[in-house]
Amino acid sequence: MSITPQNGFALTLDLVNFMFLFLGIIFHGTPRNYLISIQEAVKGAGGIIVQFPFYAGIMGMMTASGLAGVMSEAFVSVSTAQTLPLFAFLSAGLVNFFVPSGGGQWAVQAPIMLEAADMLGSDPSRVAMAVAWGDAWTNMIQPFWALPALAIAGLKAKDIMGFCVIVLIVSGVVIGLGLLFL
């Protein structure tokens, strides 16, 4: 709840998400009953719908605590103009585990990476693309993107994880080498 002396009560998106999530749990009696009802209502997307408010909370903690910035700055501290795109890619892949939203991740990492690109004389467009690719790269081991197709095919995420890990490794090497040498 946000109460400010100038504006009074401010209904924010965070507050709306919080209210819907916890009112749903309260009205269903237990978190388990709430999840069962959601899964029945939306079938394959129930787990994702419940997860995203928690991801928003994790993103808020990573941003407010400065941890995402510290992680990004650690990679920047060992970078040169030539290696910054590679380290931006790797740091974005790491931060993606905690901030799985591309827009949220950009909000956290862009100021650090673009300032580093400016200071080191690295190409800012390459650094920006490296952050985007790093975010997409580690989605291979968090395959939310595949859940609708898996539901249609009657498969589970575990059925494709081996393939996803191979794609993660191969694409990581190819993209990393491209960012370093091209």
N, C-alpha and C. Protein backbone atom coordinates (compact mmCIF):
# COMPACT_ATOMS: atom_id res chain seq x y z
N MET A 1 0.85 -1.16 0.00
CA MET A 1 0.00 0.00 0.00
C MET A 1 0.89 1.22 0.00
N SER A 2 0.58 2.14 -0.83
CA SER A 2 1.39 3.34 -0.94
C SER A 2 0.56 4.55 -0.50
N ILE A 3 0.98 5.16 0.60
CA ILE A 3 0.30 6.36 1.08
C ILE A 3 1.34 7.47 1.10
N THR A 4 1.04 8.52 0.39
CA THR A 4 1.95 9.67 0.36
C THR A 4 1.20 10.89 0.84
N PRO A 5 1.89 11.82 1.52
CA PRO A 5 1.21 13.03 2.01
C PRO A 5 0.58 13.86 0.90
N GLN A 6 1.19 13.87 -0.29
CA GLN A 6 0.68 14.70 -1.37
C GLN A 6 -0.51 14.05 -2.09
N ASN A 7 -0.45 12.74 -2.28
CA ASN A 7 -1.44 12.07 -3.13
C ASN A 7 -2.46 11.22 -2.38
N GLY A 8 -2.27 11.00 -1.10
CA GLY A 8 -3.16 10.09 -0.38
C GLY A 8 -2.84 8.65 -0.74
N PHE A 9 -3.86 7.85 -0.90
CA PHE A 9 -3.70 6.43 -1.23
C PHE A 9 -3.43 6.26 -2.71
N ALA A 10 -2.37 5.54 -3.07
CA ALA A 10 -2.04 5.31 -4.48
C ALA A 10 -2.20 3.83 -4.79
N LEU A 11 -3.12 3.52 -5.68
CA LEU A 11 -3.34 2.15 -6.10
C LEU A 11 -2.36 1.84 -7.23
N THR A 12 -1.33 1.06 -6.92
CA THR A 12 -0.29 0.74 -7.89
C THR A 12 -0.51 -0.66 -8.45
N LEU A 13 0.18 -0.96 -9.54
CA LEU A 13 0.10 -2.29 -10.13
C LEU A 13 0.59 -3.35 -9.14
N ASP A 14 1.63 -3.04 -8.38
CA ASP A 14 2.12 -3.98 -7.37
C ASP A 14 1.04 -4.29 -6.35
N LEU A 15 0.33 -3.28 -5.91
CA LEU A 15 -0.73 -3.48 -4.92
C LEU A 15 -1.88 -4.30 -5.51
N VAL A 16 -2.24 -4.04 -6.74
CA VAL A 16 -3.31 -4.81 -7.39
C VAL A 16 -2.90 -6.27 -7.51
N ASN A 17 -1.67 -6.53 -7.97
CA ASN A 17 -1.18 -7.91 -8.05
C ASN A 17 -1.22 -8.59 -6.69
N PHE A 18 -0.74 -7.90 -5.68
CA PHE A 18 -0.74 -8.45 -4.31
C PHE A 18 -2.15 -8.79 -3.86
N MET A 19 -3.07 -7.87 -4.08
CA MET A 19 -4.45 -8.09 -3.63
C MET A 19 -5.08 -9.29 -4.34
N PHE A 20 -4.95 -9.37 -5.66
CA PHE A 20 -5.55 -10.49 -6.39
C PHE A 20 -4.94 -11.83 -5.96
N LEU A 21 -3.64 -11.87 -5.82
CA LEU A 21 -2.98 -13.11 -5.44
C LEU A 21 -3.43 -13.58 -4.06
N PHE A 22 -3.34 -12.71 -3.07
CA PHE A 22 -3.63 -13.14 -1.71
C PHE A 22 -5.13 -13.23 -1.41
N LEU A 23 -5.96 -12.43 -2.07
CA LEU A 23 -7.40 -12.63 -1.93
C LEU A 23 -7.82 -13.98 -2.53
N GLY A 24 -7.22 -14.34 -3.65
CA GLY A 24 -7.50 -15.65 -4.24
C GLY A 24 -7.13 -16.78 -3.30
N ILE A 25 -5.98 -16.67 -2.67
CA ILE A 25 -5.55 -17.70 -1.71
C ILE A 25 -6.50 -17.73 -0.51
N ILE A 26 -6.84 -16.57 0.01
CA ILE A 26 -7.74 -16.50 1.18
C ILE A 26 -9.10 -17.10 0.85
N PHE A 27 -9.67 -16.74 -0.29
CA PHE A 27 -11.00 -17.24 -0.66
C PHE A 27 -11.01 -18.74 -0.94
N HIS A 28 -9.87 -19.29 -1.31
CA HIS A 28 -9.80 -20.73 -1.58
C HIS A 28 -9.34 -21.52 -0.36
N GLY A 29 -8.99 -20.86 0.71
CA GLY A 29 -8.62 -21.54 1.95
C GLY A 29 -7.15 -21.87 2.08
N THR A 30 -6.54 -22.39 1.03
CA THR A 30 -5.11 -22.72 1.08
C THR A 30 -4.48 -22.39 -0.26
N PRO A 31 -3.16 -22.16 -0.27
CA PRO A 31 -2.49 -21.94 -1.56
C PRO A 31 -2.68 -23.11 -2.51
N ARG A 32 -2.71 -24.33 -1.98
CA ARG A 32 -2.88 -25.52 -2.82
C ARG A 32 -4.26 -25.53 -3.50
N ASN A 33 -5.31 -25.21 -2.74
CA ASN A 33 -6.66 -25.14 -3.33
C ASN A 33 -6.74 -24.06 -4.40
N TYR A 34 -6.08 -22.94 -4.15
CA TYR A 34 -6.05 -21.84 -5.12
C TYR A 34 -5.38 -22.30 -6.41
N LEU A 35 -4.25 -22.97 -6.29
CA LEU A 35 -3.54 -23.45 -7.46
C LEU A 35 -4.36 -24.49 -8.23
N ILE A 36 -5.05 -25.38 -7.52
CA ILE A 36 -5.91 -26.38 -8.17
C ILE A 36 -7.02 -25.69 -8.97
N SER A 37 -7.66 -24.67 -8.38
CA SER A 37 -8.71 -23.94 -9.08
C SER A 37 -8.19 -23.23 -10.32
N ILE A 38 -7.02 -22.62 -10.18
CA ILE A 38 -6.43 -21.92 -11.32
C ILE A 38 -6.09 -22.91 -12.43
N GLN A 39 -5.49 -24.03 -12.06
CA GLN A 39 -5.13 -25.02 -13.08
C GLN A 39 -6.36 -25.56 -13.79
N GLU A 40 -7.43 -25.75 -13.06
CA GLU A 40 -8.66 -26.21 -13.70
C GLU A 40 -9.19 -25.15 -14.66
N ALA A 41 -9.07 -23.90 -14.26
CA ALA A 41 -9.62 -22.81 -15.06
C ALA A 41 -8.78 -22.53 -16.31
N VAL A 42 -7.51 -22.60 -16.21
CA VAL A 42 -6.66 -22.23 -17.34
C VAL A 42 -5.73 -23.34 -17.80
N LYS A 43 -5.92 -24.51 -17.29
CA LYS A 43 -5.15 -25.71 -17.64
C LYS A 43 -3.65 -25.47 -17.57
N GLY A 44 -2.95 -25.52 -18.66
CA GLY A 44 -1.49 -25.52 -18.66
C GLY A 44 -0.81 -24.24 -18.20
N ALA A 45 -1.53 -23.14 -18.06
CA ALA A 45 -0.88 -21.87 -17.71
C ALA A 45 -0.99 -21.51 -16.24
N GLY A 46 -1.66 -22.33 -15.41
CA GLY A 46 -1.88 -21.99 -14.01
C GLY A 46 -0.61 -21.71 -13.22
N GLY A 47 0.38 -22.59 -13.36
CA GLY A 47 1.63 -22.39 -12.62
C GLY A 47 2.33 -21.10 -12.99
N ILE A 48 2.26 -20.75 -14.25
CA ILE A 48 2.90 -19.52 -14.72
C ILE A 48 2.17 -18.29 -14.16
N ILE A 49 0.84 -18.33 -14.18
CA ILE A 49 0.06 -17.20 -13.69
C ILE A 49 0.38 -16.93 -12.22
N VAL A 50 0.53 -17.97 -11.43
CA VAL A 50 0.85 -17.80 -10.01
C VAL A 50 2.30 -17.36 -9.82
N GLN A 51 3.20 -17.82 -10.69
CA GLN A 51 4.62 -17.51 -10.54
C GLN A 51 4.95 -16.05 -10.81
N PHE A 52 4.30 -15.43 -11.76
CA PHE A 52 4.75 -14.12 -12.19
C PHE A 52 4.68 -13.03 -11.11
N PRO A 53 3.68 -13.00 -10.24
CA PRO A 53 3.76 -12.02 -9.14
C PRO A 53 4.98 -12.25 -8.25
N PHE A 54 5.36 -13.50 -8.07
CA PHE A 54 6.55 -13.77 -7.27
C PHE A 54 7.81 -13.32 -8.00
N TYR A 55 7.85 -13.52 -9.33
CA TYR A 55 8.97 -13.03 -10.11
C TYR A 55 9.07 -11.51 -10.01
N ALA A 56 7.93 -10.84 -10.02
CA ALA A 56 7.94 -9.38 -9.87
C ALA A 56 8.52 -9.01 -8.51
N GLY A 57 8.17 -9.77 -7.47
CA GLY A 57 8.73 -9.52 -6.15
C GLY A 57 10.22 -9.76 -6.10
N ILE A 58 10.67 -10.84 -6.73
CA ILE A 58 12.11 -11.14 -6.78
C ILE A 58 12.83 -10.03 -7.53
N MET A 59 12.25 -9.58 -8.66
CA MET A 59 12.86 -8.50 -9.42
C MET A 59 12.96 -7.25 -8.56
N GLY A 60 11.90 -6.96 -7.81
CA GLY A 60 11.92 -5.79 -6.93
C GLY A 60 13.02 -5.89 -5.88
N MET A 61 13.18 -7.08 -5.30
CA MET A 61 14.24 -7.27 -4.30
C MET A 61 15.62 -7.17 -4.93
N MET A 62 15.79 -7.75 -6.13
CA MET A 62 17.09 -7.68 -6.81
C MET A 62 17.44 -6.24 -7.15
N THR A 63 16.44 -5.46 -7.54
CA THR A 63 16.69 -4.07 -7.90
C THR A 63 16.89 -3.21 -6.66
N ALA A 64 15.97 -3.31 -5.70
CA ALA A 64 16.03 -2.46 -4.52
C ALA A 64 17.26 -2.74 -3.67
N SER A 65 17.66 -4.00 -3.60
CA SER A 65 18.84 -4.35 -2.80
C SER A 65 20.13 -3.97 -3.51
N GLY A 66 20.05 -3.79 -4.82
CA GLY A 66 21.24 -3.49 -5.60
C GLY A 66 21.99 -4.73 -6.05
N LEU A 67 21.47 -5.92 -5.72
CA LEU A 67 22.17 -7.15 -6.06
C LEU A 67 22.34 -7.34 -7.57
N ALA A 68 21.31 -7.04 -8.35
CA ALA A 68 21.43 -7.18 -9.81
C ALA A 68 22.50 -6.23 -10.33
N GLY A 69 22.55 -5.04 -9.78
CA GLY A 69 23.59 -4.08 -10.17
C GLY A 69 24.97 -4.55 -9.79
N VAL A 70 25.11 -5.12 -8.60
CA VAL A 70 26.40 -5.64 -8.15
C VAL A 70 26.86 -6.77 -9.07
N MET A 71 25.92 -7.64 -9.44
CA MET A 71 26.27 -8.74 -10.35
C MET A 71 26.74 -8.18 -11.69
N SER A 72 26.04 -7.21 -12.22
CA SER A 72 26.41 -6.62 -13.51
C SER A 72 27.74 -5.89 -13.40
N GLU A 73 27.91 -5.13 -12.33
CA GLU A 73 29.16 -4.38 -12.14
C GLU A 73 30.37 -5.29 -11.97
N ALA A 74 30.18 -6.47 -11.39
CA ALA A 74 31.28 -7.43 -11.26
C ALA A 74 31.80 -7.84 -12.64
N PHE A 75 30.87 -8.06 -13.58
CA PHE A 75 31.29 -8.40 -14.94
C PHE A 75 31.94 -7.21 -15.62
N VAL A 76 31.40 -6.02 -15.40
CA VAL A 76 31.95 -4.81 -16.02
C VAL A 76 33.37 -4.56 -15.51
N SER A 77 33.62 -4.86 -14.24
CA SER A 77 34.93 -4.56 -13.64
C SER A 77 36.08 -5.33 -14.28
N VAL A 78 35.79 -6.45 -14.94
CA VAL A 78 36.85 -7.23 -15.60
C VAL A 78 36.80 -7.08 -17.12
N SER A 79 36.00 -6.13 -17.60
CA SER A 79 35.80 -5.96 -19.04
C SER A 79 36.75 -4.94 -19.63
N THR A 80 36.99 -5.14 -20.92
CA THR A 80 37.65 -4.13 -21.75
C THR A 80 36.63 -3.73 -22.82
N ALA A 81 37.01 -2.80 -23.68
CA ALA A 81 36.10 -2.40 -24.77
C ALA A 81 35.76 -3.61 -25.63
N GLN A 82 36.72 -4.51 -25.85
CA GLN A 82 36.51 -5.69 -26.70
C GLN A 82 35.67 -6.76 -25.99
N THR A 83 35.88 -6.94 -24.68
CA THR A 83 35.21 -8.04 -23.98
C THR A 83 33.88 -7.65 -23.35
N LEU A 84 33.56 -6.37 -23.29
CA LEU A 84 32.31 -5.95 -22.63
C LEU A 84 31.07 -6.61 -23.24
N PRO A 85 30.91 -6.71 -24.57
CA PRO A 85 29.72 -7.39 -25.07
C PRO A 85 29.61 -8.84 -24.57
N LEU A 86 30.72 -9.56 -24.52
CA LEU A 86 30.70 -10.93 -24.02
C LEU A 86 30.28 -10.97 -22.55
N PHE A 87 30.86 -10.09 -21.74
CA PHE A 87 30.52 -10.09 -20.32
C PHE A 87 29.10 -9.55 -20.07
N ALA A 88 28.62 -8.67 -20.92
CA ALA A 88 27.23 -8.22 -20.82
C ALA A 88 26.30 -9.39 -21.10
N PHE A 89 26.63 -10.19 -22.11
CA PHE A 89 25.87 -11.40 -22.45
C PHE A 89 25.84 -12.37 -21.28
N LEU A 90 27.00 -12.65 -20.71
CA LEU A 90 27.08 -13.61 -19.60
C LEU A 90 26.35 -13.09 -18.35
N SER A 91 26.52 -11.82 -18.06
CA SER A 91 25.85 -11.27 -16.87
C SER A 91 24.34 -11.26 -17.07
N ALA A 92 23.88 -10.97 -18.29
CA ALA A 92 22.44 -10.99 -18.56
C ALA A 92 21.89 -12.40 -18.41
N GLY A 93 22.65 -13.39 -18.84
CA GLY A 93 22.23 -14.78 -18.65
C GLY A 93 22.09 -15.12 -17.18
N LEU A 94 23.01 -14.65 -16.36
CA LEU A 94 22.95 -14.90 -14.91
C LEU A 94 21.80 -14.15 -14.27
N VAL A 95 21.67 -12.88 -14.57
CA VAL A 95 20.60 -12.07 -13.98
C VAL A 95 19.22 -12.61 -14.40
N ASN A 96 19.12 -13.21 -15.59
CA ASN A 96 17.86 -13.75 -16.07
C ASN A 96 17.28 -14.83 -15.16
N PHE A 97 18.12 -15.51 -14.41
CA PHE A 97 17.60 -16.51 -13.47
C PHE A 97 16.76 -15.86 -12.37
N PHE A 98 17.08 -14.62 -12.04
CA PHE A 98 16.41 -13.93 -10.94
C PHE A 98 15.40 -12.90 -11.43
N VAL A 99 15.62 -12.36 -12.61
CA VAL A 99 14.73 -11.36 -13.21
C VAL A 99 14.37 -11.86 -14.60
N PRO A 100 13.38 -12.80 -14.69
CA PRO A 100 13.11 -13.43 -15.97
C PRO A 100 12.33 -12.58 -16.97
N SER A 101 12.04 -11.36 -16.64
CA SER A 101 11.35 -10.47 -17.57
C SER A 101 12.39 -9.67 -18.35
N GLY A 102 12.33 -9.75 -19.67
CA GLY A 102 13.28 -9.01 -20.49
C GLY A 102 13.24 -7.52 -20.22
N GLY A 103 12.04 -6.96 -20.09
CA GLY A 103 11.92 -5.52 -19.81
C GLY A 103 12.44 -5.17 -18.43
N GLY A 104 12.12 -5.99 -17.45
CA GLY A 104 12.63 -5.76 -16.10
C GLY A 104 14.14 -5.88 -16.03
N GLN A 105 14.65 -6.87 -16.74
CA GLN A 105 16.10 -7.05 -16.77
C GLN A 105 16.78 -5.86 -17.45
N TRP A 106 16.20 -5.37 -18.52
CA TRP A 106 16.76 -4.21 -19.21
C TRP A 106 16.78 -3.01 -18.27
N ALA A 107 15.71 -2.83 -17.51
CA ALA A 107 15.65 -1.71 -16.57
C ALA A 107 16.75 -1.80 -15.53
N VAL A 108 17.10 -3.01 -15.13
CA VAL A 108 18.14 -3.21 -14.12
C VAL A 108 19.53 -3.07 -14.73
N GLN A 109 19.75 -3.67 -15.88
CA GLN A 109 21.10 -3.75 -16.42
C GLN A 109 21.49 -2.64 -17.40
N ALA A 110 20.55 -2.09 -18.12
CA ALA A 110 20.89 -1.11 -19.16
C ALA A 110 21.70 0.06 -18.64
N PRO A 111 21.29 0.68 -17.53
CA PRO A 111 22.10 1.83 -17.09
C PRO A 111 23.56 1.47 -16.82
N ILE A 112 23.79 0.32 -16.24
CA ILE A 112 25.15 -0.10 -15.91
C ILE A 112 25.93 -0.44 -17.17
N MET A 113 25.33 -1.25 -18.03
CA MET A 113 26.04 -1.71 -19.22
C MET A 113 26.28 -0.60 -20.24
N LEU A 114 25.29 0.27 -20.42
CA LEU A 114 25.48 1.34 -21.39
C LEU A 114 26.47 2.39 -20.89
N GLU A 115 26.47 2.65 -19.59
CA GLU A 115 27.48 3.55 -19.04
C GLU A 115 28.87 2.94 -19.19
N ALA A 116 28.98 1.62 -18.95
CA ALA A 116 30.27 0.95 -19.12
C ALA A 116 30.71 1.01 -20.58
N ALA A 117 29.78 0.80 -21.51
CA ALA A 117 30.12 0.89 -22.93
C ALA A 117 30.65 2.27 -23.27
N ASP A 118 30.03 3.30 -22.73
CA ASP A 118 30.48 4.67 -22.97
C ASP A 118 31.87 4.90 -22.38
N MET A 119 32.06 4.45 -21.15
CA MET A 119 33.36 4.66 -20.48
C MET A 119 34.49 3.87 -21.13
N LEU A 120 34.21 2.66 -21.59
CA LEU A 120 35.25 1.81 -22.17
C LEU A 120 35.43 2.03 -23.67
N GLY A 121 34.50 2.75 -24.29
CA GLY A 121 34.58 2.97 -25.73
C GLY A 121 34.10 1.76 -26.53
N SER A 122 33.21 0.99 -25.94
CA SER A 122 32.63 -0.17 -26.62
C SER A 122 31.38 0.26 -27.37
N ASP A 123 31.00 -0.49 -28.40
CA ASP A 123 29.83 -0.17 -29.20
C ASP A 123 28.56 -0.40 -28.38
N PRO A 124 27.80 0.66 -28.06
CA PRO A 124 26.61 0.49 -27.22
C PRO A 124 25.53 -0.40 -27.83
N SER A 125 25.42 -0.42 -29.16
CA SER A 125 24.41 -1.28 -29.78
C SER A 125 24.77 -2.75 -29.61
N ARG A 126 26.04 -3.08 -29.68
CA ARG A 126 26.48 -4.47 -29.44
C ARG A 126 26.24 -4.86 -27.99
N VAL A 127 26.50 -3.95 -27.08
CA VAL A 127 26.29 -4.23 -25.65
C VAL A 127 24.80 -4.41 -25.38
N ALA A 128 23.98 -3.56 -25.96
CA ALA A 128 22.52 -3.68 -25.78
C ALA A 128 22.03 -5.02 -26.32
N MET A 129 22.49 -5.41 -27.50
CA MET A 129 22.09 -6.70 -28.06
C MET A 129 22.62 -7.86 -27.23
N ALA A 130 23.81 -7.71 -26.66
CA ALA A 130 24.38 -8.76 -25.82
C ALA A 130 23.51 -8.99 -24.58
N VAL A 131 22.99 -7.91 -24.00
CA VAL A 131 22.08 -8.05 -22.86
C VAL A 131 20.81 -8.77 -23.29
N ALA A 132 20.26 -8.40 -24.43
CA ALA A 132 19.04 -9.06 -24.92
C ALA A 132 19.29 -10.54 -25.22
N TRP A 133 20.41 -10.84 -25.85
CA TRP A 133 20.72 -12.24 -26.16
C TRP A 133 20.98 -13.04 -24.89
N GLY A 134 21.64 -12.44 -23.90
CA GLY A 134 21.89 -13.13 -22.64
C GLY A 134 20.59 -13.47 -21.94
N ASP A 135 19.66 -12.55 -21.98
CA ASP A 135 18.33 -12.80 -21.40
C ASP A 135 17.65 -13.96 -22.11
N ALA A 136 17.66 -13.96 -23.43
CA ALA A 136 17.02 -15.02 -24.20
C ALA A 136 17.78 -16.34 -24.08
N TRP A 137 19.09 -16.27 -23.97
CA TRP A 137 19.94 -17.46 -23.94
C TRP A 137 19.59 -18.40 -22.79
N THR A 138 19.50 -17.87 -21.58
CA THR A 138 19.23 -18.76 -20.45
C THR A 138 17.75 -19.12 -20.32
N ASN A 139 16.92 -18.59 -21.20
CA ASN A 139 15.54 -19.08 -21.25
C ASN A 139 15.48 -20.53 -21.72
N MET A 140 16.57 -21.03 -22.28
CA MET A 140 16.63 -22.43 -22.69
C MET A 140 16.47 -23.37 -21.49
N ILE A 141 16.90 -22.95 -20.32
CA ILE A 141 16.76 -23.83 -19.15
C ILE A 141 15.65 -23.36 -18.22
N GLN A 142 14.88 -22.41 -18.68
CA GLN A 142 13.63 -22.00 -18.04
C GLN A 142 12.59 -21.92 -19.15
N PRO A 143 12.17 -23.06 -19.70
CA PRO A 143 11.41 -23.03 -20.97
C PRO A 143 9.94 -22.65 -20.82
N PHE A 144 9.66 -21.49 -20.22
CA PHE A 144 8.28 -21.02 -20.16
C PHE A 144 7.72 -20.81 -21.55
N TRP A 145 8.57 -20.40 -22.47
CA TRP A 145 8.17 -20.14 -23.85
C TRP A 145 7.59 -21.39 -24.51
N ALA A 146 7.98 -22.58 -24.03
CA ALA A 146 7.55 -23.82 -24.66
C ALA A 146 6.29 -24.42 -24.04
N LEU A 147 5.85 -23.92 -22.90
CA LEU A 147 4.76 -24.56 -22.18
C LEU A 147 3.47 -24.70 -22.99
N PRO A 148 3.03 -23.69 -23.75
CA PRO A 148 1.81 -23.90 -24.54
C PRO A 148 1.95 -25.03 -25.56
N ALA A 149 3.10 -25.08 -26.26
CA ALA A 149 3.30 -26.15 -27.25
C ALA A 149 3.40 -27.51 -26.57
N LEU A 150 4.03 -27.56 -25.41
CA LEU A 150 4.15 -28.82 -24.67
C LEU A 150 2.77 -29.31 -24.24
N ALA A 151 1.93 -28.39 -23.79
CA ALA A 151 0.58 -28.77 -23.37
C ALA A 151 -0.20 -29.35 -24.54
N ILE A 152 -0.07 -28.74 -25.70
CA ILE A 152 -0.77 -29.23 -26.89
C ILE A 152 -0.24 -30.62 -27.27
N ALA A 153 1.08 -30.82 -27.14
CA ALA A 153 1.69 -32.09 -27.51
C ALA A 153 1.56 -33.15 -26.42
N GLY A 154 1.07 -32.76 -25.25
CA GLY A 154 0.95 -33.71 -24.15
C GLY A 154 2.29 -34.07 -23.52
N LEU A 155 3.24 -33.15 -23.57
CA LEU A 155 4.57 -33.37 -23.01
C LEU A 155 4.78 -32.50 -21.79
N LYS A 156 5.81 -32.78 -21.04
CA LYS A 156 6.22 -31.99 -19.88
C LYS A 156 7.56 -31.32 -20.20
N ALA A 157 7.91 -30.30 -19.42
CA ALA A 157 9.18 -29.60 -19.64
C ALA A 157 10.36 -30.56 -19.54
N LYS A 158 10.27 -31.53 -18.65
CA LYS A 158 11.38 -32.48 -18.48
C LYS A 158 11.64 -33.27 -19.76
N ASP A 159 10.63 -33.40 -20.62
CA ASP A 159 10.79 -34.15 -21.86
C ASP A 159 11.68 -33.44 -22.87
N ILE A 160 11.84 -32.12 -22.75
CA ILE A 160 12.66 -31.37 -23.70
C ILE A 160 13.92 -30.80 -23.07
N MET A 161 14.12 -30.98 -21.76
CA MET A 161 15.23 -30.31 -21.08
C MET A 161 16.59 -30.73 -21.63
N GLY A 162 16.78 -31.98 -21.99
CA GLY A 162 18.06 -32.40 -22.55
C GLY A 162 18.39 -31.63 -23.81
N PHE A 163 17.40 -31.49 -24.68
CA PHE A 163 17.59 -30.73 -25.92
C PHE A 163 17.87 -29.25 -25.61
N CYS A 164 17.14 -28.72 -24.63
CA CYS A 164 17.31 -27.31 -24.27
C CYS A 164 18.72 -27.04 -23.73
N VAL A 165 19.24 -27.96 -22.93
CA VAL A 165 20.59 -27.78 -22.38
C VAL A 165 21.63 -27.82 -23.51
N ILE A 166 21.45 -28.72 -24.47
CA ILE A 166 22.37 -28.77 -25.61
C ILE A 166 22.32 -27.45 -26.39
N VAL A 167 21.11 -26.94 -26.64
CA VAL A 167 20.97 -25.66 -27.35
C VAL A 167 21.61 -24.54 -26.53
N LEU A 168 21.41 -24.56 -25.21
CA LEU A 168 22.02 -23.55 -24.34
C LEU A 168 23.54 -23.53 -24.50
N ILE A 169 24.16 -24.69 -24.43
CA ILE A 169 25.62 -24.77 -24.51
C ILE A 169 26.13 -24.36 -25.88
N VAL A 170 25.55 -24.93 -26.92
CA VAL A 170 26.02 -24.64 -28.28
C VAL A 170 25.79 -23.17 -28.62
N SER A 171 24.60 -22.66 -28.36
CA SER A 171 24.32 -21.26 -28.69
C SER A 171 25.15 -20.32 -27.83
N GLY A 172 25.40 -20.67 -26.58
CA GLY A 172 26.24 -19.84 -25.72
C GLY A 172 27.65 -19.70 -26.26
N VAL A 173 28.21 -20.81 -26.74
CA VAL A 173 29.56 -20.78 -27.32
C VAL A 173 29.56 -19.95 -28.60
N VAL A 174 28.59 -20.19 -29.49
CA VAL A 174 28.54 -19.47 -30.77
C VAL A 174 28.33 -17.98 -30.54
N ILE A 175 27.36 -17.62 -29.72
CA ILE A 175 27.09 -16.20 -29.47
C ILE A 175 28.27 -15.54 -28.76
N GLY A 176 28.81 -16.24 -27.76
CA GLY A 176 29.96 -15.70 -27.03
C GLY A 176 31.14 -15.43 -27.94
N LEU A 177 31.47 -16.38 -28.80
CA LEU A 177 32.58 -16.18 -29.73
C LEU A 177 32.27 -15.06 -30.72
N GLY A 178 31.02 -14.99 -31.18
CA GLY A 178 30.64 -13.90 -32.08
C GLY A 178 30.77 -12.54 -31.42
N LEU A 179 30.37 -12.44 -30.18
CA LEU A 179 30.48 -11.16 -29.47
C LEU A 179 31.93 -10.79 -29.20
N LEU A 180 32.77 -11.77 -29.04
CA LEU A 180 34.17 -11.51 -28.72
C LEU A 180 34.99 -11.18 -29.96
N PHE A 181 34.70 -11.85 -31.07
CA PHE A 181 35.59 -11.73 -32.24
C PHE A 181 34.98 -11.04 -33.45
N LEU A 182 33.68 -10.85 -33.50
CA LEU A 182 33.09 -10.22 -34.70
C LEU A 182 32.72 -8.78 -34.46
